[in-house]
Amino acid sequence: MTIELIANPKTAKYQQLKNTILGQFFPWSWGENTITTDWQSPDYVDDSTLNGHEDFGFYSHGFLMRPVKNSDVTCCYPTESSPFVKDAHDLVTEILDFNNVKYDLIFRMAANCVHPTEKRLASPPHEDHPWPHTNLLIYLTDPFKGETVVEEKKFFGKEDDAILFQGVHYHRPPEKNRRIVFVATFI
Protein backbone atom coordinates (compact mmCIF):
# COMPACT_ATOMS: atom_id res chain seq x y z
CA MET A 1 0.00 0.00 0.00
CA THR A 2 1.29 3.43 -0.80
CA ILE A 3 -1.17 6.31 -0.42
CA GLU A 4 -4.86 5.60 -0.84
CA LEU A 5 -7.32 8.48 -1.05
CA ILE A 6 -10.55 7.43 0.65
CA ALA A 7 -13.95 9.08 0.89
CA ASN A 8 -14.62 11.54 3.67
CA PRO A 9 -18.42 11.74 4.00
CA LYS A 10 -18.02 15.05 5.91
CA THR A 11 -20.88 14.26 8.25
CA ALA A 12 -22.15 16.54 11.02
CA LYS A 13 -19.92 14.60 13.44
CA TYR A 14 -16.89 15.38 11.27
CA GLN A 15 -17.81 19.06 10.89
CA GLN A 16 -18.32 19.42 14.65
CA LEU A 17 -14.93 17.96 15.57
CA LYS A 18 -13.20 19.87 12.76
CA ASN A 19 -14.75 23.15 13.99
CA THR A 20 -13.65 22.32 17.55
CA ILE A 21 -10.06 21.63 16.47
CA LEU A 22 -9.88 24.76 14.31
CA GLY A 23 -11.60 26.86 16.97
CA GLN A 24 -10.15 29.57 19.15
CA PHE A 25 -10.35 27.60 22.42
CA PHE A 26 -8.90 24.23 21.34
CA PRO A 27 -5.91 23.33 23.56
CA TRP A 28 -2.59 22.71 21.79
CA SER A 29 0.77 21.57 23.18
CA TRP A 30 4.11 22.57 21.69
CA GLY A 31 6.68 19.92 20.79
CA GLU A 32 10.25 20.99 19.98
CA ASN A 33 10.78 18.10 17.58
CA THR A 34 8.74 16.48 14.85
CA ILE A 35 9.85 13.03 15.92
CA THR A 36 10.13 11.56 19.40
CA THR A 37 12.69 8.89 20.18
CA ASP A 38 10.49 6.77 22.46
CA TRP A 39 10.03 3.93 19.98
CA GLN A 40 11.84 5.07 16.90
CA SER A 41 11.79 3.74 13.38
CA PRO A 42 15.11 2.22 12.30
CA ASP A 43 14.99 4.71 9.40
CA TYR A 44 15.11 7.72 11.75
CA VAL A 45 18.22 9.87 11.37
CA ASP A 46 19.24 11.82 14.50
CA ASP A 47 20.90 14.58 12.48
CA SER A 48 17.77 15.13 10.42
CA THR A 49 19.00 18.36 8.85
CA LEU A 50 20.98 16.11 6.50
CA ASN A 51 19.54 14.87 3.23
CA GLY A 52 16.92 17.61 2.92
CA HIS A 53 15.11 16.98 6.22
CA GLU A 54 14.65 19.08 9.36
CA ASP A 55 13.34 18.12 12.80
CA PHE A 56 11.15 21.21 13.35
CA GLY A 57 8.68 21.87 16.17
CA PHE A 58 4.89 21.76 15.92
CA TYR A 59 1.68 21.99 17.94
CA SER A 60 -0.22 18.84 18.79
CA HIS A 61 -3.30 17.71 20.64
CA GLY A 62 -3.32 14.05 21.63
CA PHE A 63 -6.72 12.40 21.89
CA LEU A 64 -5.26 8.93 22.38
CA MET A 65 -1.54 8.88 23.13
CA ARG A 66 0.69 6.22 21.61
CA PRO A 67 2.33 3.61 23.82
CA VAL A 68 5.70 4.86 25.11
CA LYS A 69 8.75 2.84 26.06
CA ASN A 70 11.99 4.55 27.05
CA SER A 71 14.28 4.85 30.06
CA ASP A 72 12.14 7.51 31.79
CA VAL A 73 8.59 6.34 31.09
CA THR A 74 6.99 3.07 30.11
CA CYS A 75 3.34 2.84 29.21
CA CYS A 76 2.83 -0.10 26.86
CA TYR A 77 -0.77 0.75 26.04
CA PRO A 78 -2.52 3.78 24.50
CA THR A 79 -3.83 6.32 27.01
CA GLU A 80 -6.72 8.76 26.71
CA SER A 81 -5.52 12.32 27.01
CA SER A 82 -8.34 14.55 25.82
CA PRO A 83 -11.94 15.32 26.72
CA PHE A 84 -12.62 14.95 22.96
CA VAL A 85 -11.35 11.34 22.69
CA LYS A 86 -14.83 9.86 22.15
CA ASP A 87 -15.54 12.36 19.34
CA ALA A 88 -12.19 11.50 17.73
CA HIS A 89 -12.89 7.76 18.05
CA ASP A 90 -16.33 8.15 16.50
CA LEU A 91 -14.85 10.15 13.61
CA VAL A 92 -12.23 7.47 12.88
CA THR A 93 -14.69 4.58 12.99
CA GLU A 94 -17.25 6.52 10.93
CA ILE A 95 -14.76 7.18 8.10
CA LEU A 96 -13.29 3.67 8.18
CA ASP A 97 -16.76 2.08 8.21
CA PHE A 98 -17.94 4.34 5.37
CA ASN A 99 -15.00 3.08 3.28
CA ASN A 100 -15.38 -0.58 4.35
CA VAL A 101 -11.90 -0.53 5.90
CA LYS A 102 -11.41 -3.32 8.44
CA TYR A 103 -9.89 -2.39 11.79
CA ASP A 104 -9.47 -4.02 15.19
CA LEU A 105 -7.57 -1.57 17.37
CA ILE A 106 -6.77 2.14 17.32
CA PHE A 107 -3.30 2.93 18.73
CA ARG A 108 -3.15 6.70 18.43
CA MET A 109 -5.27 9.74 17.54
CA ALA A 110 -3.97 13.31 17.40
CA ALA A 111 -4.38 16.66 15.70
CA ASN A 112 -1.14 18.23 14.47
CA CYS A 113 -0.51 21.85 13.48
CA VAL A 114 2.60 22.82 11.51
CA HIS A 115 3.50 26.39 10.62
CA PRO A 116 5.77 27.45 7.75
CA THR A 117 9.48 27.11 8.49
CA GLU A 118 12.33 29.19 7.13
CA LYS A 119 13.76 26.47 4.88
CA ARG A 120 10.58 24.40 4.34
CA LEU A 121 12.62 21.22 4.60
CA ALA A 122 10.62 18.02 5.09
CA SER A 123 10.28 16.34 8.46
CA PRO A 124 12.47 13.30 9.16
CA PRO A 125 11.34 10.01 7.58
CA HIS A 126 9.66 7.89 10.24
CA GLU A 127 7.02 5.34 11.12
CA ASP A 128 4.58 6.05 13.93
CA HIS A 129 5.08 2.64 15.61
CA PRO A 130 7.67 -0.14 15.35
CA TRP A 131 4.95 -2.74 14.60
CA PRO A 132 2.73 -3.10 11.51
CA HIS A 133 -0.05 -0.49 11.40
CA THR A 134 -2.02 1.72 9.04
CA ASN A 135 -2.19 5.52 9.23
CA LEU A 136 -5.34 7.53 8.61
CA LEU A 137 -4.60 11.18 7.87
CA ILE A 138 -7.32 13.80 7.36
CA TYR A 139 -6.44 17.29 6.15
CA LEU A 140 -8.46 19.75 8.26
CA THR A 141 -6.99 22.73 6.40
CA ASP A 142 -5.45 23.26 3.01
CA PRO A 143 -1.81 22.16 3.48
CA PHE A 144 -0.52 24.92 1.13
CA LYS A 145 1.93 22.64 -0.71
CA GLY A 146 2.86 20.83 2.52
CA GLU A 147 2.83 17.43 0.87
CA THR A 148 2.81 14.04 2.55
CA VAL A 149 5.39 11.58 1.22
CA VAL A 150 5.09 7.82 1.68
CA GLU A 151 7.81 5.59 0.27
CA GLU A 152 8.85 8.52 -1.95
CA LYS A 153 5.34 8.93 -3.45
CA LYS A 154 4.10 12.51 -2.93
CA PHE A 155 0.51 13.38 -2.09
CA PHE A 156 -0.59 16.99 -2.33
CA GLY A 157 -3.74 16.91 -0.25
CA LYS A 158 -6.46 19.47 0.05
CA GLU A 159 -8.84 20.40 2.84
CA ASP A 160 -11.08 17.49 3.91
CA ASP A 161 -9.07 14.82 2.02
CA ALA A 162 -8.60 11.55 3.91
CA ILE A 163 -5.79 9.12 3.09
CA LEU A 164 -4.57 5.75 4.29
CA PHE A 165 -0.96 4.61 4.14
CA GLN A 166 1.59 2.33 5.72
CA GLY A 167 5.33 2.57 6.11
CA VAL A 168 7.98 5.25 6.28
CA HIS A 169 6.62 8.72 5.65
CA TYR A 170 7.27 12.43 6.16
CA HIS A 171 5.72 15.78 5.31
CA ARG A 172 6.73 19.28 4.29
CA PRO A 173 5.60 22.40 6.19
CA PRO A 174 3.09 24.64 4.40
CA GLU A 175 4.16 27.62 2.31
CA LYS A 176 1.78 29.83 4.30
CA ASN A 177 -0.85 29.62 7.05
CA ARG A 178 -1.13 26.38 9.03
CA ARG A 179 -1.16 22.72 7.97
CA ILE A 180 -3.60 21.07 10.40
CA VAL A 181 -4.21 17.35 10.13
CA PHE A 182 -5.97 14.68 12.15
CA VAL A 183 -3.94 11.48 12.47
CA ALA A 184 -4.96 8.03 13.66
CA THR A 185 -3.06 4.73 13.59
CA PHE A 186 -4.74 1.34 13.69
CA ILE A 187 -4.53 -2.36 12.88
C-alpha atoms as a PDB file:
ATOM      1  CA  MET A   1       0.000   0.000   0.000  1.00  0.00           C
ATOM      2  CA  THR A   2       1.289   3.432  -0.799  1.00  0.00           C
ATOM      3  CA  ILE A   3      -1.167   6.312  -0.417  1.00  0.00           C
ATOM      4  CA  GLU A   4      -4.859   5.596  -0.844  1.00  0.00           C
ATOM      5  CA  LEU A   5      -7.316   8.484  -1.054  1.00  0.00           C
ATOM      6  CA  ILE A   6     -10.555   7.431   0.653  1.00  0.00           C
ATOM      7  CA  ALA A   7     -13.950   9.080   0.888  1.00  0.00           C
ATOM      8  CA  ASN A   8     -14.622  11.537   3.667  1.00  0.00           C
ATOM      9  CA  PRO A   9     -18.423  11.744   4.001  1.00  0.00           C
ATOM     10  CA  LYS A  10     -18.024  15.055   5.907  1.00  0.00           C
ATOM     11  CA  THR A  11     -20.883  14.263   8.246  1.00  0.00           C
ATOM     12  CA  ALA A  12     -22.148  16.535  11.021  1.00  0.00           C
ATOM     13  CA  LYS A  13     -19.923  14.600  13.437  1.00  0.00           C
ATOM     14  CA  TYR A  14     -16.886  15.378  11.270  1.00  0.00           C
ATOM     15  CA  GLN A  15     -17.809  19.064  10.892  1.00  0.00           C
ATOM     16  CA  GLN A  16     -18.319  19.420  14.647  1.00  0.00           C
ATOM     17  CA  LEU A  17     -14.928  17.958  15.574  1.00  0.00           C
ATOM     18  CA  LYS A  18     -13.201  19.871  12.756  1.00  0.00           C
ATOM     19  CA  ASN A  19     -14.753  23.151  13.993  1.00  0.00           C
ATOM     20  CA  THR A  20     -13.655  22.324  17.550  1.00  0.00           C
ATOM     21  CA  ILE A  21     -10.061  21.625  16.466  1.00  0.00           C
ATOM     22  CA  LEU A  22      -9.882  24.758  14.314  1.00  0.00           C
ATOM     23  CA  GLY A  23     -11.603  26.861  16.967  1.00  0.00           C
ATOM     24  CA  GLN A  24     -10.152  29.570  19.154  1.00  0.00           C
ATOM     25  CA  PHE A  25     -10.348  27.595  22.417  1.00  0.00           C
ATOM     26  CA  PHE A  26      -8.904  24.234  21.339  1.00  0.00           C
ATOM     27  CA  PRO A  27      -5.910  23.326  23.564  1.00  0.00           C
ATOM     28  CA  TRP A  28      -2.590  22.707  21.788  1.00  0.00           C
ATOM     29  CA  SER A  29       0.768  21.568  23.183  1.00  0.00           C
ATOM     30  CA  TRP A  30       4.114  22.573  21.687  1.00  0.00           C
ATOM     31  CA  GLY A  31       6.681  19.915  20.791  1.00  0.00           C
ATOM     32  CA  GLU A  32      10.245  20.988  19.978  1.00  0.00           C
ATOM     33  CA  ASN A  33      10.781  18.100  17.583  1.00  0.00           C
ATOM     34  CA  THR A  34       8.736  16.477  14.849  1.00  0.00           C
ATOM     35  CA  ILE A  35       9.853  13.034  15.919  1.00  0.00           C
ATOM     36  CA  THR A  36      10.134  11.564  19.399  1.00  0.00           C
ATOM     37  CA  THR A  37      12.693   8.887  20.178  1.00  0.00           C
ATOM     38  CA  ASP A  38      10.488   6.765  22.458  1.00  0.00           C
ATOM     39  CA  TRP A  39      10.025   3.931  19.982  1.00  0.00           C
ATOM     40  CA  GLN A  40      11.844   5.071  16.900  1.00  0.00           C
ATOM     41  CA  SER A  41      11.793   3.744  13.384  1.00  0.00           C
ATOM     42  CA  PRO A  42      15.106   2.215  12.296  1.00  0.00           C
ATOM     43  CA  ASP A  43      14.991   4.712   9.401  1.00  0.00           C
ATOM     44  CA  TYR A  44      15.108   7.716  11.749  1.00  0.00           C
ATOM     45  CA  VAL A  45      18.218   9.872  11.368  1.00  0.00           C
ATOM     46  CA  ASP A  46      19.243  11.820  14.497  1.00  0.00           C
ATOM     47  CA  ASP A  47      20.897  14.576  12.482  1.00  0.00           C
ATOM     48  CA  SER A  48      17.772  15.130  10.419  1.00  0.00           C
ATOM     49  CA  THR A  49      19.005  18.363   8.849  1.00  0.00           C
ATOM     50  CA  LEU A  50      20.979  16.107   6.498  1.00  0.00           C
ATOM     51  CA  ASN A  51      19.538  14.869   3.232  1.00  0.00           C
ATOM     52  CA  GLY A  52      16.917  17.611   2.918  1.00  0.00           C
ATOM     53  CA  HIS A  53      15.107  16.980   6.216  1.00  0.00           C
ATOM     54  CA  GLU A  54      14.650  19.080   9.356  1.00  0.00           C
ATOM     55  CA  ASP A  55      13.337  18.123  12.805  1.00  0.00           C
ATOM     56  CA  PHE A  56      11.149  21.206  13.351  1.00  0.00           C
ATOM     57  CA  GLY A  57       8.678  21.870  16.171  1.00  0.00           C
ATOM     58  CA  PHE A  58       4.892  21.759  15.922  1.00  0.00           C
ATOM     59  CA  TYR A  59       1.685  21.988  17.936  1.00  0.00           C
ATOM     60  CA  SER A  60      -0.220  18.838  18.787  1.00  0.00           C
ATOM     61  CA  HIS A  61      -3.305  17.713  20.642  1.00  0.00           C
ATOM     62  CA  GLY A  62      -3.320  14.049  21.627  1.00  0.00           C
ATOM     63  CA  PHE A  63      -6.717  12.402  21.887  1.00  0.00           C
ATOM     64  CA  LEU A  64      -5.264   8.926  22.385  1.00  0.00           C
ATOM     65  CA  MET A  65      -1.538   8.882  23.133  1.00  0.00           C
ATOM     66  CA  ARG A  66       0.685   6.219  21.607  1.00  0.00           C
ATOM     67  CA  PRO A  67       2.329   3.613  23.816  1.00  0.00           C
ATOM     68  CA  VAL A  68       5.698   4.857  25.112  1.00  0.00           C
ATOM     69  CA  LYS A  69       8.752   2.843  26.055  1.00  0.00           C
ATOM     70  CA  ASN A  70      11.994   4.551  27.055  1.00  0.00           C
ATOM     71  CA  SER A  71      14.284   4.855  30.056  1.00  0.00           C
ATOM     72  CA  ASP A  72      12.141   7.507  31.785  1.00  0.00           C
ATOM     73  CA  VAL A  73       8.588   6.343  31.088  1.00  0.00           C
ATOM     74  CA  THR A  74       6.993   3.071  30.114  1.00  0.00           C
ATOM     75  CA  CYS A  75       3.338   2.843  29.208  1.00  0.00           C
ATOM     76  CA  CYS A  76       2.826  -0.098  26.856  1.00  0.00           C
ATOM     77  CA  TYR A  77      -0.772   0.754  26.035  1.00  0.00           C
ATOM     78  CA  PRO A  78      -2.522   3.781  24.497  1.00  0.00           C
ATOM     79  CA  THR A  79      -3.826   6.322  27.007  1.00  0.00           C
ATOM     80  CA  GLU A  80      -6.716   8.760  26.709  1.00  0.00           C
ATOM     81  CA  SER A  81      -5.523  12.325  27.010  1.00  0.00           C
ATOM     82  CA  SER A  82      -8.343  14.552  25.816  1.00  0.00           C
ATOM     83  CA  PRO A  83     -11.944  15.318  26.717  1.00  0.00           C
ATOM     84  CA  PHE A  84     -12.619  14.946  22.957  1.00  0.00           C
ATOM     85  CA  VAL A  85     -11.349  11.342  22.688  1.00  0.00           C
ATOM     86  CA  LYS A  86     -14.828   9.861  22.151  1.00  0.00           C
ATOM     87  CA  ASP A  87     -15.544  12.359  19.337  1.00  0.00           C
ATOM     88  CA  ALA A  88     -12.188  11.496  17.726  1.00  0.00           C
ATOM     89  CA  HIS A  89     -12.894   7.759  18.051  1.00  0.00           C
ATOM     90  CA  ASP A  90     -16.331   8.150  16.500  1.00  0.00           C
ATOM     91  CA  LEU A  91     -14.850  10.146  13.609  1.00  0.00           C
ATOM     92  CA  VAL A  92     -12.231   7.473  12.877  1.00  0.00           C
ATOM     93  CA  THR A  93     -14.689   4.581  12.992  1.00  0.00           C
ATOM     94  CA  GLU A  94     -17.250   6.521  10.934  1.00  0.00           C
ATOM     95  CA  ILE A  95     -14.765   7.183   8.104  1.00  0.00           C
ATOM     96  CA  LEU A  96     -13.286   3.670   8.176  1.00  0.00           C
ATOM     97  CA  ASP A  97     -16.763   2.075   8.208  1.00  0.00           C
ATOM     98  CA  PHE A  98     -17.939   4.339   5.373  1.00  0.00           C
ATOM     99  CA  ASN A  99     -14.996   3.079   3.280  1.00  0.00           C
ATOM    100  CA  ASN A 100     -15.381  -0.576   4.346  1.00  0.00           C
ATOM    101  CA  VAL A 101     -11.904  -0.531   5.897  1.00  0.00           C
ATOM    102  CA  LYS A 102     -11.412  -3.316   8.444  1.00  0.00           C
ATOM    103  CA  TYR A 103      -9.888  -2.386  11.794  1.00  0.00           C
ATOM    104  CA  ASP A 104      -9.470  -4.021  15.193  1.00  0.00           C
ATOM    105  CA  LEU A 105      -7.567  -1.571  17.366  1.00  0.00           C
ATOM    106  CA  ILE A 106      -6.766   2.137  17.315  1.00  0.00           C
ATOM    107  CA  PHE A 107      -3.304   2.935  18.726  1.00  0.00           C
ATOM    108  CA  ARG A 108      -3.148   6.696  18.431  1.00  0.00           C
ATOM    109  CA  MET A 109      -5.273   9.737  17.543  1.00  0.00           C
ATOM    110  CA  ALA A 110      -3.974  13.311  17.401  1.00  0.00           C
ATOM    111  CA  ALA A 111      -4.381  16.659  15.701  1.00  0.00           C
ATOM    112  CA  ASN A 112      -1.136  18.234  14.474  1.00  0.00           C
ATOM    113  CA  CYS A 113      -0.512  21.849  13.475  1.00  0.00           C
ATOM    114  CA  VAL A 114       2.596  22.820  11.505  1.00  0.00           C
ATOM    115  CA  HIS A 115       3.503  26.388  10.616  1.00  0.00           C
ATOM    116  CA  PRO A 116       5.773  27.448   7.748  1.00  0.00           C
ATOM    117  CA  THR A 117       9.481  27.113   8.492  1.00  0.00           C
ATOM    118  CA  GLU A 118      12.329  29.191   7.129  1.00  0.00           C
ATOM    119  CA  LYS A 119      13.765  26.472   4.877  1.00  0.00           C
ATOM    120  CA  ARG A 120      10.575  24.405   4.343  1.00  0.00           C
ATOM    121  CA  LEU A 121      12.619  21.220   4.600  1.00  0.00           C
ATOM    122  CA  ALA A 122      10.622  18.019   5.091  1.00  0.00           C
ATOM    123  CA  SER A 123      10.282  16.339   8.464  1.00  0.00           C
ATOM    124  CA  PRO A 124      12.474  13.298   9.155  1.00  0.00           C
ATOM    125  CA  PRO A 125      11.339  10.007   7.579  1.00  0.00           C
ATOM    126  CA  HIS A 126       9.665   7.894  10.241  1.00  0.00           C
ATOM    127  CA  GLU A 127       7.022   5.341  11.116  1.00  0.00           C
ATOM    128  CA  ASP A 128       4.577   6.053  13.934  1.00  0.00           C
ATOM    129  CA  HIS A 129       5.079   2.644  15.612  1.00  0.00           C
ATOM    130  CA  PRO A 130       7.671  -0.137  15.345  1.00  0.00           C
ATOM    131  CA  TRP A 131       4.948  -2.735  14.600  1.00  0.00           C
ATOM    132  CA  PRO A 132       2.728  -3.103  11.508  1.00  0.00           C
ATOM    133  CA  HIS A 133      -0.049  -0.489  11.400  1.00  0.00           C
ATOM    134  CA  THR A 134      -2.015   1.721   9.041  1.00  0.00           C
ATOM    135  CA  ASN A 135      -2.186   5.517   9.227  1.00  0.00           C
ATOM    136  CA  LEU A 136      -5.344   7.531   8.606  1.00  0.00           C
ATOM    137  CA  LEU A 137      -4.598  11.181   7.869  1.00  0.00           C
ATOM    138  CA  ILE A 138      -7.316  13.801   7.363  1.00  0.00           C
ATOM    139  CA  TYR A 139      -6.443  17.291   6.154  1.00  0.00           C
ATOM    140  CA  LEU A 140      -8.462  19.749   8.256  1.00  0.00           C
ATOM    141  CA  THR A 141      -6.995  22.728   6.397  1.00  0.00           C
ATOM    142  CA  ASP A 142      -5.450  23.257   3.011  1.00  0.00           C
ATOM    143  CA  PRO A 143      -1.812  22.159   3.481  1.00  0.00           C
ATOM    144  CA  PHE A 144      -0.518  24.918   1.134  1.00  0.00           C
ATOM    145  CA  LYS A 145       1.933  22.645  -0.709  1.00  0.00           C
ATOM    146  CA  GLY A 146       2.856  20.832   2.517  1.00  0.00           C
ATOM    147  CA  GLU A 147       2.834  17.433   0.865  1.00  0.00           C
ATOM    148  CA  THR A 148       2.812  14.039   2.554  1.00  0.00           C
ATOM    149  CA  VAL A 149       5.386  11.579   1.220  1.00  0.00           C
ATOM    150  CA  VAL A 150       5.091   7.822   1.681  1.00  0.00           C
ATOM    151  CA  GLU A 151       7.811   5.591   0.273  1.00  0.00           C
ATOM    152  CA  GLU A 152       8.851   8.521  -1.953  1.00  0.00           C
ATOM    153  CA  LYS A 153       5.342   8.930  -3.452  1.00  0.00           C
ATOM    154  CA  LYS A 154       4.103  12.512  -2.932  1.00  0.00           C
ATOM    155  CA  PHE A 155       0.506  13.377  -2.089  1.00  0.00           C
ATOM    156  CA  PHE A 156      -0.593  16.994  -2.334  1.00  0.00           C
ATOM    157  CA  GLY A 157      -3.740  16.913  -0.249  1.00  0.00           C
ATOM    158  CA  LYS A 158      -6.457  19.475   0.052  1.00  0.00           C
ATOM    159  CA  GLU A 159      -8.837  20.403   2.843  1.00  0.00           C
ATOM    160  CA  ASP A 160     -11.078  17.489   3.913  1.00  0.00           C
ATOM    161  CA  ASP A 161      -9.068  14.817   2.023  1.00  0.00           C
ATOM    162  CA  ALA A 162      -8.600  11.549   3.906  1.00  0.00           C
ATOM    163  CA  ILE A 163      -5.791   9.124   3.092  1.00  0.00           C
ATOM    164  CA  LEU A 164      -4.568   5.747   4.288  1.00  0.00           C
ATOM    165  CA  PHE A 165      -0.959   4.608   4.135  1.00  0.00           C
ATOM    166  CA  GLN A 166       1.593   2.329   5.717  1.00  0.00           C
ATOM    167  CA  GLY A 167       5.334   2.565   6.106  1.00  0.00           C
ATOM    168  CA  VAL A 168       7.976   5.246   6.280  1.00  0.00           C
ATOM    169  CA  HIS A 169       6.618   8.722   5.650  1.00  0.00           C
ATOM    170  CA  TYR A 170       7.268  12.429   6.161  1.00  0.00           C
ATOM    171  CA  HIS A 171       5.715  15.785   5.312  1.00  0.00           C
ATOM    172  CA  ARG A 172       6.730  19.279   4.292  1.00  0.00           C
ATOM    173  CA  PRO A 173       5.596  22.397   6.192  1.00  0.00           C
ATOM    174  CA  PRO A 174       3.089  24.636   4.399  1.00  0.00           C
ATOM    175  CA  GLU A 175       4.163  27.617   2.309  1.00  0.00           C
ATOM    176  CA  LYS A 176       1.785  29.827   4.302  1.00  0.00           C
ATOM    177  CA  ASN A 177      -0.853  29.624   7.050  1.00  0.00           C
ATOM    178  CA  ARG A 178      -1.133  26.376   9.029  1.00  0.00           C
ATOM    179  CA  ARG A 179      -1.163  22.723   7.973  1.00  0.00           C
ATOM    180  CA  ILE A 180      -3.604  21.071  10.400  1.00  0.00           C
ATOM    181  CA  VAL A 181      -4.210  17.348  10.133  1.00  0.00           C
ATOM    182  CA  PHE A 182      -5.970  14.680  12.148  1.00  0.00           C
ATOM    183  CA  VAL A 183      -3.937  11.477  12.469  1.00  0.00           C
ATOM    184  CA  ALA A 184      -4.959   8.025  13.660  1.00  0.00           C
ATOM    185  CA  THR A 185      -3.062   4.734  13.595  1.00  0.00           C
ATOM    186  CA  PHE A 186      -4.736   1.340  13.687  1.00  0.00           C
ATOM    187  CA  ILE A 187      -4.530  -2.360  12.880  1.00  0.00           C
END
